[in-house]
mmCIF file of all heavy atoms, coordinates in Angstrom:
data_MODEL
# 
_entry.id   MODEL 
# 
loop_
_atom_site.group_PDB 
_atom_site.id 
_atom_site.type_symbol 
_atom_site.label_atom_id 
_atom_site.label_alt_id 
_atom_site.label_comp_id 
_atom_site.label_asym_id 
_atom_site.label_entity_id 
_atom_site.label_seq_id 
_atom_site.pdbx_PDB_ins_code 
_atom_site.Cartn_x 
_atom_site.Cartn_y 
_atom_site.Cartn_z 
_atom_site.occupancy 
_atom_site.B_iso_or_equiv 
_atom_site.pdbx_formal_charge 
_atom_site.auth_seq_id 
_atom_site.auth_comp_id 
_atom_site.auth_asym_id 
_atom_site.auth_atom_id 
_atom_site.pdbx_PDB_model_num 
ATOM 1   N N   . VAL A 1 1  ? 121.354 79.396 97.465  1.00 0.00 ? 1  VAL A N   1 
ATOM 2   C CA  . VAL A 1 1  ? 122.018 79.040 98.718  1.00 0.00 ? 1  VAL A CA  1 
ATOM 3   C C   . VAL A 1 1  ? 122.955 80.175 99.134  1.00 0.00 ? 1  VAL A C   1 
ATOM 4   O O   . VAL A 1 1  ? 123.801 80.617 98.348  1.00 0.00 ? 1  VAL A O   1 
ATOM 5   C CB  . VAL A 1 1  ? 122.805 77.718 98.571  1.00 0.00 ? 1  VAL A CB  1 
ATOM 6   C CG1 . VAL A 1 1  ? 123.580 77.416 99.855  1.00 0.00 ? 1  VAL A CG1 1 
ATOM 7   C CG2 . VAL A 1 1  ? 121.840 76.579 98.247  1.00 0.00 ? 1  VAL A CG2 1 
ATOM 8   N N   . LEU A 1 2  ? 122.802 80.632 100.380 1.00 0.00 ? 2  LEU A N   1 
ATOM 9   C CA  . LEU A 1 2  ? 123.601 81.739 100.896 1.00 0.00 ? 2  LEU A CA  1 
ATOM 10  C C   . LEU A 1 2  ? 124.794 81.267 101.723 1.00 0.00 ? 2  LEU A C   1 
ATOM 11  O O   . LEU A 1 2  ? 125.847 81.907 101.726 1.00 0.00 ? 2  LEU A O   1 
ATOM 12  C CB  . LEU A 1 2  ? 122.726 82.643 101.772 1.00 0.00 ? 2  LEU A CB  1 
ATOM 13  C CG  . LEU A 1 2  ? 121.496 83.231 101.108 1.00 0.00 ? 2  LEU A CG  1 
ATOM 14  C CD1 . LEU A 1 2  ? 120.650 83.958 102.144 1.00 0.00 ? 2  LEU A CD1 1 
ATOM 15  C CD2 . LEU A 1 2  ? 121.901 84.186 99.994  1.00 0.00 ? 2  LEU A CD2 1 
ATOM 16  N N   . ARG A 1 3  ? 124.605 80.186 102.460 1.00 0.00 ? 3  ARG A N   1 
ATOM 17  C CA  . ARG A 1 3  ? 125.669 79.653 103.313 1.00 0.00 ? 3  ARG A CA  1 
ATOM 18  C C   . ARG A 1 3  ? 125.712 78.139 103.165 1.00 0.00 ? 3  ARG A C   1 
ATOM 19  O O   . ARG A 1 3  ? 124.676 77.483 103.008 1.00 0.00 ? 3  ARG A O   1 
ATOM 20  C CB  . ARG A 1 3  ? 125.416 79.973 104.787 1.00 0.00 ? 3  ARG A CB  1 
ATOM 21  C CG  . ARG A 1 3  ? 125.277 81.438 105.126 1.00 0.00 ? 3  ARG A CG  1 
ATOM 22  C CD  . ARG A 1 3  ? 126.614 82.132 105.283 1.00 0.00 ? 3  ARG A CD  1 
ATOM 23  N NE  . ARG A 1 3  ? 126.382 83.490 105.716 1.00 0.00 ? 3  ARG A NE  1 
ATOM 24  C CZ  . ARG A 1 3  ? 126.345 83.880 106.995 1.00 0.00 ? 3  ARG A CZ  1 
ATOM 25  N NH1 . ARG A 1 3  ? 126.556 82.992 107.942 1.00 0.00 ? 3  ARG A NH1 1 
ATOM 26  N NH2 . ARG A 1 3  ? 126.112 85.140 107.304 1.00 0.00 ? 3  ARG A NH2 1 
ATOM 27  N N   . ARG A 1 4  ? 126.933 77.616 103.254 1.00 0.00 ? 4  ARG A N   1 
ATOM 28  C CA  . ARG A 1 4  ? 127.099 76.173 103.251 1.00 0.00 ? 4  ARG A CA  1 
ATOM 29  C C   . ARG A 1 4  ? 128.363 75.864 104.037 1.00 0.00 ? 4  ARG A C   1 
ATOM 30  O O   . ARG A 1 4  ? 129.361 76.565 103.914 1.00 0.00 ? 4  ARG A O   1 
ATOM 31  C CB  . ARG A 1 4  ? 127.207 75.628 101.826 1.00 0.00 ? 4  ARG A CB  1 
ATOM 32  C CG  . ARG A 1 4  ? 127.400 74.109 101.766 1.00 0.00 ? 4  ARG A CG  1 
ATOM 33  C CD  . ARG A 1 4  ? 127.579 73.620 100.330 1.00 0.00 ? 4  ARG A CD  1 
ATOM 34  N NE  . ARG A 1 4  ? 126.354 73.781 99.537  1.00 0.00 ? 4  ARG A NE  1 
ATOM 35  C CZ  . ARG A 1 4  ? 126.253 74.519 98.456  1.00 0.00 ? 4  ARG A CZ  1 
ATOM 36  N NH1 . ARG A 1 4  ? 127.319 75.214 98.040  1.00 0.00 ? 4  ARG A NH1 1 
ATOM 37  N NH2 . ARG A 1 4  ? 125.133 74.590 97.774  1.00 0.00 ? 4  ARG A NH2 1 
ATOM 38  N N   . GLY A 1 5  ? 128.316 74.832 104.860 1.00 0.00 ? 5  GLY A N   1 
ATOM 39  C CA  . GLY A 1 5  ? 129.492 74.462 105.618 1.00 0.00 ? 5  GLY A CA  1 
ATOM 40  C C   . GLY A 1 5  ? 129.386 73.052 106.158 1.00 0.00 ? 5  GLY A C   1 
ATOM 41  O O   . GLY A 1 5  ? 128.361 72.377 105.984 1.00 0.00 ? 5  GLY A O   1 
ATOM 42  N N   . SER A 1 6  ? 130.454 72.614 106.806 1.00 0.00 ? 6  SER A N   1 
ATOM 43  C CA  . SER A 1 6  ? 130.487 71.294 107.433 1.00 0.00 ? 6  SER A CA  1 
ATOM 44  C C   . SER A 1 6  ? 130.652 71.462 108.938 1.00 0.00 ? 6  SER A C   1 
ATOM 45  O O   . SER A 1 6  ? 131.258 72.422 109.406 1.00 0.00 ? 6  SER A O   1 
ATOM 46  C CB  . SER A 1 6  ? 131.647 70.452 106.885 1.00 0.00 ? 6  SER A CB  1 
ATOM 47  O OG  . SER A 1 6  ? 131.468 70.159 105.524 1.00 0.00 ? 6  SER A OG  1 
ATOM 48  N N   . VAL A 1 7  ? 130.130 70.499 109.658 1.00 0.00 ? 7  VAL A N   1 
ATOM 49  C CA  . VAL A 1 7  ? 130.245 70.533 111.110 1.00 0.00 ? 7  VAL A CA  1 
ATOM 50  C C   . VAL A 1 7  ? 130.386 69.113 111.618 1.00 0.00 ? 7  VAL A C   1 
ATOM 51  O O   . VAL A 1 7  ? 129.806 68.178 111.052 1.00 0.00 ? 7  VAL A O   1 
ATOM 52  C CB  . VAL A 1 7  ? 129.017 71.223 111.748 1.00 0.00 ? 7  VAL A CB  1 
ATOM 53  C CG1 . VAL A 1 7  ? 127.735 70.480 111.427 1.00 0.00 ? 7  VAL A CG1 1 
ATOM 54  C CG2 . VAL A 1 7  ? 129.189 71.383 113.239 1.00 0.00 ? 7  VAL A CG2 1 
ATOM 55  N N   . GLU A 1 8  ? 131.174 68.942 112.659 1.00 0.00 ? 8  GLU A N   1 
ATOM 56  C CA  . GLU A 1 8  ? 131.355 67.636 113.282 1.00 0.00 ? 8  GLU A CA  1 
ATOM 57  C C   . GLU A 1 8  ? 130.581 67.557 114.591 1.00 0.00 ? 8  GLU A C   1 
ATOM 58  O O   . GLU A 1 8  ? 130.414 68.558 115.286 1.00 0.00 ? 8  GLU A O   1 
ATOM 59  C CB  . GLU A 1 8  ? 132.836 67.361 113.557 1.00 0.00 ? 8  GLU A CB  1 
ATOM 60  C CG  . GLU A 1 8  ? 133.609 66.876 112.360 1.00 0.00 ? 8  GLU A CG  1 
ATOM 61  C CD  . GLU A 1 8  ? 134.967 66.301 112.749 1.00 0.00 ? 8  GLU A CD  1 
ATOM 62  O OE1 . GLU A 1 8  ? 135.313 66.328 113.955 1.00 0.00 ? 8  GLU A OE1 1 
ATOM 63  O OE2 . GLU A 1 8  ? 135.677 65.824 111.855 1.00 0.00 ? 8  GLU A OE2 1 
ATOM 64  N N   . THR A 1 9  ? 130.136 66.358 114.917 1.00 0.00 ? 9  THR A N   1 
ATOM 65  C CA  . THR A 1 9  ? 129.527 66.090 116.213 1.00 0.00 ? 9  THR A CA  1 
ATOM 66  C C   . THR A 1 9  ? 129.909 64.667 116.613 1.00 0.00 ? 9  THR A C   1 
ATOM 67  O O   . THR A 1 9  ? 130.388 63.886 115.793 1.00 0.00 ? 9  THR A O   1 
ATOM 68  C CB  . THR A 1 9  ? 128.002 66.272 116.176 1.00 0.00 ? 9  THR A CB  1 
ATOM 69  O OG1 . THR A 1 9  ? 127.475 66.136 117.504 1.00 0.00 ? 9  THR A OG1 1 
ATOM 70  C CG2 . THR A 1 9  ? 127.337 65.240 115.271 1.00 0.00 ? 9  THR A CG2 1 
ATOM 71  N N   . ASP A 1 10 ? 129.694 64.360 117.891 1.00 0.00 ? 10 ASP A N   1 
ATOM 72  C CA  . ASP A 1 10 ? 130.067 63.034 118.370 1.00 0.00 ? 10 ASP A CA  1 
ATOM 73  C C   . ASP A 1 10 ? 129.221 62.669 119.575 1.00 0.00 ? 10 ASP A C   1 
ATOM 74  O O   . ASP A 1 10 ? 128.302 63.405 119.978 1.00 0.00 ? 10 ASP A O   1 
ATOM 75  C CB  . ASP A 1 10 ? 131.561 62.968 118.702 1.00 0.00 ? 10 ASP A CB  1 
ATOM 76  C CG  . ASP A 1 10 ? 132.008 64.036 119.697 1.00 0.00 ? 10 ASP A CG  1 
ATOM 77  O OD1 . ASP A 1 10 ? 131.175 64.463 120.531 1.00 0.00 ? 10 ASP A OD1 1 
ATOM 78  O OD2 . ASP A 1 10 ? 133.179 64.452 119.648 1.00 0.00 ? 10 ASP A OD2 1 
ATOM 79  N N   . LEU A 1 11 ? 129.546 61.529 120.164 1.00 0.00 ? 11 LEU A N   1 
ATOM 80  C CA  . LEU A 1 11 ? 128.762 61.015 121.285 1.00 0.00 ? 11 LEU A CA  1 
ATOM 81  C C   . LEU A 1 11 ? 128.786 61.954 122.479 1.00 0.00 ? 11 LEU A C   1 
ATOM 82  O O   . LEU A 1 11 ? 127.815 62.009 123.247 1.00 0.00 ? 11 LEU A O   1 
ATOM 83  C CB  . LEU A 1 11 ? 129.293 59.641 121.683 1.00 0.00 ? 11 LEU A CB  1 
ATOM 84  C CG  . LEU A 1 11 ? 128.513 58.866 122.755 1.00 0.00 ? 11 LEU A CG  1 
ATOM 85  C CD1 . LEU A 1 11 ? 127.077 58.634 122.299 1.00 0.00 ? 11 LEU A CD1 1 
ATOM 86  C CD2 . LEU A 1 11 ? 129.202 57.544 123.058 1.00 0.00 ? 11 LEU A CD2 1 
ATOM 87  N N   . ALA A 1 12 ? 129.878 62.705 122.642 1.00 0.00 ? 12 ALA A N   1 
ATOM 88  C CA  . ALA A 1 12 ? 129.980 63.637 123.771 1.00 0.00 ? 12 ALA A CA  1 
ATOM 89  C C   . ALA A 1 12 ? 128.897 64.698 123.725 1.00 0.00 ? 12 ALA A C   1 
ATOM 90  O O   . ALA A 1 12 ? 128.541 65.274 124.756 1.00 0.00 ? 12 ALA A O   1 
ATOM 91  C CB  . ALA A 1 12 ? 131.363 64.291 123.794 1.00 0.00 ? 12 ALA A CB  1 
ATOM 92  N N   . ARG A 1 13 ? 128.351 64.972 122.523 1.00 0.00 ? 13 ARG A N   1 
ATOM 93  C CA  . ARG A 1 13 ? 127.250 65.922 122.350 1.00 0.00 ? 13 ARG A CA  1 
ATOM 94  C C   . ARG A 1 13 ? 125.959 65.201 122.008 1.00 0.00 ? 13 ARG A C   1 
ATOM 95  O O   . ARG A 1 13 ? 125.011 65.831 121.562 1.00 0.00 ? 13 ARG A O   1 
ATOM 96  C CB  . ARG A 1 13 ? 127.596 66.905 121.222 1.00 0.00 ? 13 ARG A CB  1 
ATOM 97  C CG  . ARG A 1 13 ? 128.655 67.909 121.555 1.00 0.00 ? 13 ARG A CG  1 
ATOM 98  C CD  . ARG A 1 13 ? 128.180 68.949 122.504 1.00 0.00 ? 13 ARG A CD  1 
ATOM 99  N NE  . ARG A 1 13 ? 127.021 69.674 122.009 1.00 0.00 ? 13 ARG A NE  1 
ATOM 100 C CZ  . ARG A 1 13 ? 126.384 70.618 122.691 1.00 0.00 ? 13 ARG A CZ  1 
ATOM 101 N NH1 . ARG A 1 13 ? 126.782 70.917 123.908 1.00 0.00 ? 13 ARG A NH1 1 
ATOM 102 N NH2 . ARG A 1 13 ? 125.347 71.233 122.189 1.00 0.00 ? 13 ARG A NH2 1 
ATOM 103 N N   . ASP A 1 14 ? 125.907 63.905 122.220 1.00 0.00 ? 14 ASP A N   1 
ATOM 104 C CA  . ASP A 1 14 ? 124.750 63.096 121.848 1.00 0.00 ? 14 ASP A CA  1 
ATOM 105 C C   . ASP A 1 14 ? 124.413 63.275 120.375 1.00 0.00 ? 14 ASP A C   1 
ATOM 106 O O   . ASP A 1 14 ? 123.256 63.195 119.976 1.00 0.00 ? 14 ASP A O   1 
ATOM 107 C CB  . ASP A 1 14 ? 123.541 63.455 122.725 1.00 0.00 ? 14 ASP A CB  1 
ATOM 108 C CG  . ASP A 1 14 ? 122.498 62.364 122.753 1.00 0.00 ? 14 ASP A CG  1 
ATOM 109 O OD1 . ASP A 1 14 ? 122.839 61.210 122.419 1.00 0.00 ? 14 ASP A OD1 1 
ATOM 110 O OD2 . ASP A 1 14 ? 121.331 62.654 123.091 1.00 0.00 ? 14 ASP A OD2 1 
ATOM 111 N N   . TYR A 1 15 ? 125.441 63.549 119.567 1.00 0.00 ? 15 TYR A N   1 
ATOM 112 C CA  . TYR A 1 15 ? 125.324 63.724 118.114 1.00 0.00 ? 15 TYR A CA  1 
ATOM 113 C C   . TYR A 1 15 ? 124.417 64.896 117.728 1.00 0.00 ? 15 TYR A C   1 
ATOM 114 O O   . TYR A 1 15 ? 123.905 64.959 116.604 1.00 0.00 ? 15 TYR A O   1 
ATOM 115 C CB  . TYR A 1 15 ? 124.842 62.439 117.437 1.00 0.00 ? 15 TYR A CB  1 
ATOM 116 C CG  . TYR A 1 15 ? 125.773 61.271 117.659 1.00 0.00 ? 15 TYR A CG  1 
ATOM 117 C CD1 . TYR A 1 15 ? 125.386 60.184 118.442 1.00 0.00 ? 15 TYR A CD1 1 
ATOM 118 C CD2 . TYR A 1 15 ? 127.047 61.254 117.098 1.00 0.00 ? 15 TYR A CD2 1 
ATOM 119 C CE1 . TYR A 1 15 ? 126.255 59.111 118.658 1.00 0.00 ? 15 TYR A CE1 1 
ATOM 120 C CE2 . TYR A 1 15 ? 127.916 60.194 117.311 1.00 0.00 ? 15 TYR A CE2 1 
ATOM 121 C CZ  . TYR A 1 15 ? 127.524 59.126 118.090 1.00 0.00 ? 15 TYR A CZ  1 
ATOM 122 O OH  . TYR A 1 15 ? 128.372 58.074 118.308 1.00 0.00 ? 15 TYR A OH  1 
ATOM 123 N N   . THR A 1 16 ? 124.209 65.832 118.657 1.00 0.00 ? 16 THR A N   1 
ATOM 124 C CA  . THR A 1 16 ? 123.450 67.037 118.323 1.00 0.00 ? 16 THR A CA  1 
ATOM 125 C C   . THR A 1 16 ? 124.381 68.063 117.697 1.00 0.00 ? 16 THR A C   1 
ATOM 126 O O   . THR A 1 16 ? 125.593 68.058 117.902 1.00 0.00 ? 16 THR A O   1 
ATOM 127 C CB  . THR A 1 16 ? 122.781 67.648 119.562 1.00 0.00 ? 16 THR A CB  1 
ATOM 128 O OG1 . THR A 1 16 ? 123.776 67.990 120.536 1.00 0.00 ? 16 THR A OG1 1 
ATOM 129 C CG2 . THR A 1 16 ? 121.786 66.680 120.164 1.00 0.00 ? 16 THR A CG2 1 
ATOM 130 N N   . VAL A 1 17 ? 123.791 68.978 116.926 1.00 0.00 ? 17 VAL A N   1 
ATOM 131 C CA  . VAL A 1 17 ? 124.539 70.030 116.234 1.00 0.00 ? 17 VAL A CA  1 
ATOM 132 C C   . VAL A 1 17 ? 123.811 71.350 116.435 1.00 0.00 ? 17 VAL A C   1 
ATOM 133 O O   . VAL A 1 17 ? 122.586 71.417 116.298 1.00 0.00 ? 17 VAL A O   1 
ATOM 134 C CB  . VAL A 1 17 ? 124.639 69.718 114.718 1.00 0.00 ? 17 VAL A CB  1 
ATOM 135 C CG1 . VAL A 1 17 ? 125.163 70.926 113.950 1.00 0.00 ? 17 VAL A CG1 1 
ATOM 136 C CG2 . VAL A 1 17 ? 125.518 68.510 114.472 1.00 0.00 ? 17 VAL A CG2 1 
ATOM 137 N N   . LYS A 1 18 ? 124.572 72.401 116.756 1.00 0.00 ? 18 LYS A N   1 
ATOM 138 C CA  . LYS A 1 18 ? 124.008 73.754 116.801 1.00 0.00 ? 18 LYS A CA  1 
ATOM 139 C C   . LYS A 1 18 ? 124.953 74.702 116.073 1.00 0.00 ? 18 LYS A C   1 
ATOM 140 O O   . LYS A 1 18 ? 126.148 74.724 116.339 1.00 0.00 ? 18 LYS A O   1 
ATOM 141 C CB  . LYS A 1 18 ? 123.800 74.227 118.239 1.00 0.00 ? 18 LYS A CB  1 
ATOM 142 C CG  . LYS A 1 18 ? 122.625 73.572 118.921 1.00 0.00 ? 18 LYS A CG  1 
ATOM 143 C CD  . LYS A 1 18 ? 122.102 74.374 120.113 1.00 0.00 ? 18 LYS A CD  1 
ATOM 144 C CE  . LYS A 1 18 ? 123.023 74.323 121.301 1.00 0.00 ? 18 LYS A CE  1 
ATOM 145 N NZ  . LYS A 1 18 ? 122.371 74.945 122.483 1.00 0.00 ? 18 LYS A NZ  1 
ATOM 146 N N   . ILE A 1 19 ? 124.377 75.487 115.184 1.00 0.00 ? 19 ILE A N   1 
ATOM 147 C CA  . ILE A 1 19 ? 125.147 76.460 114.410 1.00 0.00 ? 19 ILE A CA  1 
ATOM 148 C C   . ILE A 1 19 ? 124.540 77.836 114.640 1.00 0.00 ? 19 ILE A C   1 
ATOM 149 O O   . ILE A 1 19 ? 123.333 78.039 114.441 1.00 0.00 ? 19 ILE A O   1 
ATOM 150 C CB  . ILE A 1 19 ? 125.113 76.120 112.909 1.00 0.00 ? 19 ILE A CB  1 
ATOM 151 C CG1 . ILE A 1 19 ? 125.685 74.715 112.680 1.00 0.00 ? 19 ILE A CG1 1 
ATOM 152 C CG2 . ILE A 1 19 ? 125.891 77.150 112.096 1.00 0.00 ? 19 ILE A CG2 1 
ATOM 153 C CD1 . ILE A 1 19 ? 125.184 74.076 111.425 1.00 0.00 ? 19 ILE A CD1 1 
ATOM 154 N N   . ASP A 1 20 ? 125.350 78.776 115.066 1.00 0.00 ? 20 ASP A N   1 
ATOM 155 C CA  . ASP A 1 20 ? 124.918 80.158 115.268 1.00 0.00 ? 20 ASP A CA  1 
ATOM 156 C C   . ASP A 1 20 ? 125.256 80.934 113.998 1.00 0.00 ? 20 ASP A C   1 
ATOM 157 O O   . ASP A 1 20 ? 126.398 81.340 113.777 1.00 0.00 ? 20 ASP A O   1 
ATOM 158 C CB  . ASP A 1 20 ? 125.629 80.756 116.483 1.00 0.00 ? 20 ASP A CB  1 
ATOM 159 C CG  . ASP A 1 20 ? 124.988 82.047 116.953 1.00 0.00 ? 20 ASP A CG  1 
ATOM 160 O OD1 . ASP A 1 20 ? 124.108 82.565 116.239 1.00 0.00 ? 20 ASP A OD1 1 
ATOM 161 O OD2 . ASP A 1 20 ? 125.370 82.542 118.033 1.00 0.00 ? 20 ASP A OD2 1 
ATOM 162 N N   . VAL A 1 21 ? 124.266 81.103 113.146 1.00 0.00 ? 21 VAL A N   1 
ATOM 163 C CA  . VAL A 1 21 ? 124.485 81.748 111.847 1.00 0.00 ? 21 VAL A CA  1 
ATOM 164 C C   . VAL A 1 21 ? 124.374 83.260 112.035 1.00 0.00 ? 21 VAL A C   1 
ATOM 165 O O   . VAL A 1 21 ? 123.314 83.770 112.396 1.00 0.00 ? 21 VAL A O   1 
ATOM 166 C CB  . VAL A 1 21 ? 123.467 81.257 110.801 1.00 0.00 ? 21 VAL A CB  1 
ATOM 167 C CG1 . VAL A 1 21 ? 123.815 81.834 109.428 1.00 0.00 ? 21 VAL A CG1 1 
ATOM 168 C CG2 . VAL A 1 21 ? 123.455 79.734 110.737 1.00 0.00 ? 21 VAL A CG2 1 
ATOM 169 N N   . ARG A 1 22 ? 125.462 83.948 111.784 1.00 0.00 ? 22 ARG A N   1 
ATOM 170 C CA  . ARG A 1 22 ? 125.530 85.400 112.006 1.00 0.00 ? 22 ARG A CA  1 
ATOM 171 C C   . ARG A 1 22 ? 125.532 86.161 110.684 1.00 0.00 ? 22 ARG A C   1 
ATOM 172 O O   . ARG A 1 22 ? 125.694 85.600 109.612 1.00 0.00 ? 22 ARG A O   1 
ATOM 173 C CB  . ARG A 1 22 ? 126.811 85.745 112.778 1.00 0.00 ? 22 ARG A CB  1 
ATOM 174 C CG  . ARG A 1 22 ? 127.052 84.952 114.052 1.00 0.00 ? 22 ARG A CG  1 
ATOM 175 C CD  . ARG A 1 22 ? 126.246 85.456 115.216 1.00 0.00 ? 22 ARG A CD  1 
ATOM 176 N NE  . ARG A 1 22 ? 126.552 84.715 116.438 1.00 0.00 ? 22 ARG A NE  1 
ATOM 177 C CZ  . ARG A 1 22 ? 127.501 85.059 117.317 1.00 0.00 ? 22 ARG A CZ  1 
ATOM 178 N NH1 . ARG A 1 22 ? 128.268 86.103 117.092 1.00 0.00 ? 22 ARG A NH1 1 
ATOM 179 N NH2 . ARG A 1 22 ? 127.671 84.353 118.425 1.00 0.00 ? 22 ARG A NH2 1 
ATOM 180 N N   . GLY A 1 23 ? 125.406 87.498 110.793 1.00 0.00 ? 23 GLY A N   1 
ATOM 181 C CA  . GLY A 1 23 ? 125.495 88.365 109.630 1.00 0.00 ? 23 GLY A CA  1 
ATOM 182 C C   . GLY A 1 23 ? 124.314 88.285 108.694 1.00 0.00 ? 23 GLY A C   1 
ATOM 183 O O   . GLY A 1 23 ? 124.443 88.493 107.480 1.00 0.00 ? 23 GLY A O   1 
ATOM 184 N N   . LEU A 1 24 ? 123.130 87.983 109.234 1.00 0.00 ? 24 LEU A N   1 
ATOM 185 C CA  . LEU A 1 24 ? 121.922 87.862 108.420 1.00 0.00 ? 24 LEU A CA  1 
ATOM 186 C C   . LEU A 1 24 ? 121.179 89.195 108.350 1.00 0.00 ? 24 LEU A C   1 
ATOM 187 O O   . LEU A 1 24 ? 121.477 90.142 109.083 1.00 0.00 ? 24 LEU A O   1 
ATOM 188 C CB  . LEU A 1 24 ? 121.018 86.773 109.004 1.00 0.00 ? 24 LEU A CB  1 
ATOM 189 C CG  . LEU A 1 24 ? 121.639 85.377 109.120 1.00 0.00 ? 24 LEU A CG  1 
ATOM 190 C CD1 . LEU A 1 24 ? 120.674 84.416 109.789 1.00 0.00 ? 24 LEU A CD1 1 
ATOM 191 C CD2 . LEU A 1 24 ? 122.073 84.852 107.748 1.00 0.00 ? 24 LEU A CD2 1 
ATOM 192 N N   . GLU A 1 25 ? 120.168 89.244 107.491 1.00 0.00 ? 25 GLU A N   1 
ATOM 193 C CA  . GLU A 1 25 ? 119.334 90.439 107.343 1.00 0.00 ? 25 GLU A CA  1 
ATOM 194 C C   . GLU A 1 25 ? 118.169 90.375 108.330 1.00 0.00 ? 25 GLU A C   1 
ATOM 195 O O   . GLU A 1 25 ? 117.647 89.291 108.609 1.00 0.00 ? 25 GLU A O   1 
ATOM 196 C CB  . GLU A 1 25 ? 118.792 90.543 105.923 1.00 0.00 ? 25 GLU A CB  1 
ATOM 197 C CG  . GLU A 1 25 ? 119.863 90.714 104.856 1.00 0.00 ? 25 GLU A CG  1 
ATOM 198 C CD  . GLU A 1 25 ? 120.604 92.029 105.001 1.00 0.00 ? 25 GLU A CD  1 
ATOM 199 O OE1 . GLU A 1 25 ? 119.959 93.053 105.276 1.00 0.00 ? 25 GLU A OE1 1 
ATOM 200 O OE2 . GLU A 1 25 ? 121.850 92.020 104.858 1.00 0.00 ? 25 GLU A OE2 1 
ATOM 201 N N   . PRO A 1 26 ? 117.728 91.517 108.857 1.00 0.00 ? 26 PRO A N   1 
ATOM 202 C CA  . PRO A 1 26 ? 116.597 91.497 109.794 1.00 0.00 ? 26 PRO A CA  1 
ATOM 203 C C   . PRO A 1 26 ? 115.274 91.205 109.093 1.00 0.00 ? 26 PRO A C   1 
ATOM 204 O O   . PRO A 1 26 ? 115.125 91.399 107.885 1.00 0.00 ? 26 PRO A O   1 
ATOM 205 C CB  . PRO A 1 26 ? 116.603 92.917 110.383 1.00 0.00 ? 26 PRO A CB  1 
ATOM 206 C CG  . PRO A 1 26 ? 117.273 93.755 109.351 1.00 0.00 ? 26 PRO A CG  1 
ATOM 207 C CD  . PRO A 1 26 ? 118.283 92.869 108.677 1.00 0.00 ? 26 PRO A CD  1 
ATOM 208 N N   . ALA A 1 27 ? 114.316 90.699 109.879 1.00 0.00 ? 27 ALA A N   1 
ATOM 209 C CA  . ALA A 1 27 ? 112.937 90.466 109.407 1.00 0.00 ? 27 ALA A CA  1 
ATOM 210 C C   . ALA A 1 27 ? 112.903 89.665 108.106 1.00 0.00 ? 27 ALA A C   1 
ATOM 211 O O   . ALA A 1 27 ? 112.141 89.976 107.186 1.00 0.00 ? 27 ALA A O   1 
ATOM 212 C CB  . ALA A 1 27 ? 112.202 91.800 109.238 1.00 0.00 ? 27 ALA A CB  1 
ATOM 213 N N   . THR A 1 28 ? 113.724 88.611 108.051 1.00 0.00 ? 28 THR A N   1 
ATOM 214 C CA  . THR A 1 28 ? 113.867 87.845 106.809 1.00 0.00 ? 28 THR A CA  1 
ATOM 215 C C   . THR A 1 28 ? 113.657 86.359 107.073 1.00 0.00 ? 28 THR A C   1 
ATOM 216 O O   . THR A 1 28 ? 114.169 85.818 108.052 1.00 0.00 ? 28 THR A O   1 
ATOM 217 C CB  . THR A 1 28 ? 115.269 88.058 106.205 1.00 0.00 ? 28 THR A CB  1 
ATOM 218 O OG1 . THR A 1 28 ? 115.460 89.455 105.945 1.00 0.00 ? 28 THR A OG1 1 
ATOM 219 C CG2 . THR A 1 28 ? 115.436 87.275 104.917 1.00 0.00 ? 28 THR A CG2 1 
ATOM 220 N N   . ASP A 1 29 ? 112.896 85.713 106.190 1.00 0.00 ? 29 ASP A N   1 
ATOM 221 C CA  . ASP A 1 29 ? 112.748 84.265 106.232 1.00 0.00 ? 29 ASP A CA  1 
ATOM 222 C C   . ASP A 1 29 ? 113.941 83.612 105.543 1.00 0.00 ? 29 ASP A C   1 
ATOM 223 O O   . ASP A 1 29 ? 114.342 84.028 104.436 1.00 0.00 ? 29 ASP A O   1 
ATOM 224 C CB  . ASP A 1 29 ? 111.468 83.825 105.514 1.00 0.00 ? 29 ASP A CB  1 
ATOM 225 C CG  . ASP A 1 29 ? 110.210 84.104 106.330 1.00 0.00 ? 29 ASP A CG  1 
ATOM 226 O OD1 . ASP A 1 29 ? 110.337 84.469 107.505 1.00 0.00 ? 29 ASP A OD1 1 
ATOM 227 O OD2 . ASP A 1 29 ? 109.109 83.949 105.770 1.00 0.00 ? 29 ASP A OD2 1 
ATOM 228 N N   . TYR A 1 30 ? 114.493 82.599 106.203 1.00 0.00 ? 30 TYR A N   1 
ATOM 229 C CA  . TYR A 1 30 ? 115.554 81.780 105.610 1.00 0.00 ? 30 TYR A CA  1 
ATOM 230 C C   . TYR A 1 30 ? 115.124 80.317 105.709 1.00 0.00 ? 30 TYR A C   1 
ATOM 231 O O   . TYR A 1 30 ? 114.364 79.936 106.599 1.00 0.00 ? 30 TYR A O   1 
ATOM 232 C CB  . TYR A 1 30 ? 116.879 81.965 106.340 1.00 0.00 ? 30 TYR A CB  1 
ATOM 233 C CG  . TYR A 1 30 ? 117.479 83.346 106.208 1.00 0.00 ? 30 TYR A CG  1 
ATOM 234 C CD1 . TYR A 1 30 ? 117.254 84.327 107.175 1.00 0.00 ? 30 TYR A CD1 1 
ATOM 235 C CD2 . TYR A 1 30 ? 118.289 83.666 105.124 1.00 0.00 ? 30 TYR A CD2 1 
ATOM 236 C CE1 . TYR A 1 30 ? 117.806 85.587 107.065 1.00 0.00 ? 30 TYR A CE1 1 
ATOM 237 C CE2 . TYR A 1 30 ? 118.862 84.932 105.003 1.00 0.00 ? 30 TYR A CE2 1 
ATOM 238 C CZ  . TYR A 1 30 ? 118.612 85.888 105.976 1.00 0.00 ? 30 TYR A CZ  1 
ATOM 239 O OH  . TYR A 1 30 ? 119.161 87.141 105.862 1.00 0.00 ? 30 TYR A OH  1 
ATOM 240 N N   . PHE A 1 31 ? 115.656 79.502 104.803 1.00 0.00 ? 31 PHE A N   1 
ATOM 241 C CA  . PHE A 1 31 ? 115.365 78.075 104.812 1.00 0.00 ? 31 PHE A CA  1 
ATOM 242 C C   . PHE A 1 31 ? 116.684 77.317 104.977 1.00 0.00 ? 31 PHE A C   1 
ATOM 243 O O   . PHE A 1 31 ? 117.723 77.732 104.456 1.00 0.00 ? 31 PHE A O   1 
ATOM 244 C CB  . PHE A 1 31 ? 114.628 77.670 103.541 1.00 0.00 ? 31 PHE A CB  1 
ATOM 245 C CG  . PHE A 1 31 ? 113.309 78.365 103.397 1.00 0.00 ? 31 PHE A CG  1 
ATOM 246 C CD1 . PHE A 1 31 ? 113.223 79.591 102.742 1.00 0.00 ? 31 PHE A CD1 1 
ATOM 247 C CD2 . PHE A 1 31 ? 112.164 77.825 103.949 1.00 0.00 ? 31 PHE A CD2 1 
ATOM 248 C CE1 . PHE A 1 31 ? 112.009 80.259 102.649 1.00 0.00 ? 31 PHE A CE1 1 
ATOM 249 C CE2 . PHE A 1 31 ? 110.942 78.477 103.861 1.00 0.00 ? 31 PHE A CE2 1 
ATOM 250 C CZ  . PHE A 1 31 ? 110.867 79.693 103.210 1.00 0.00 ? 31 PHE A CZ  1 
# 
């Protein structure tokens, strides 16, 4: 595991979540 974190969402976002993960390596598969 390279990254782990917590995020909150609520009804104002229809309980959707988006995370912009930065600082990654190019041409790389992540799971």
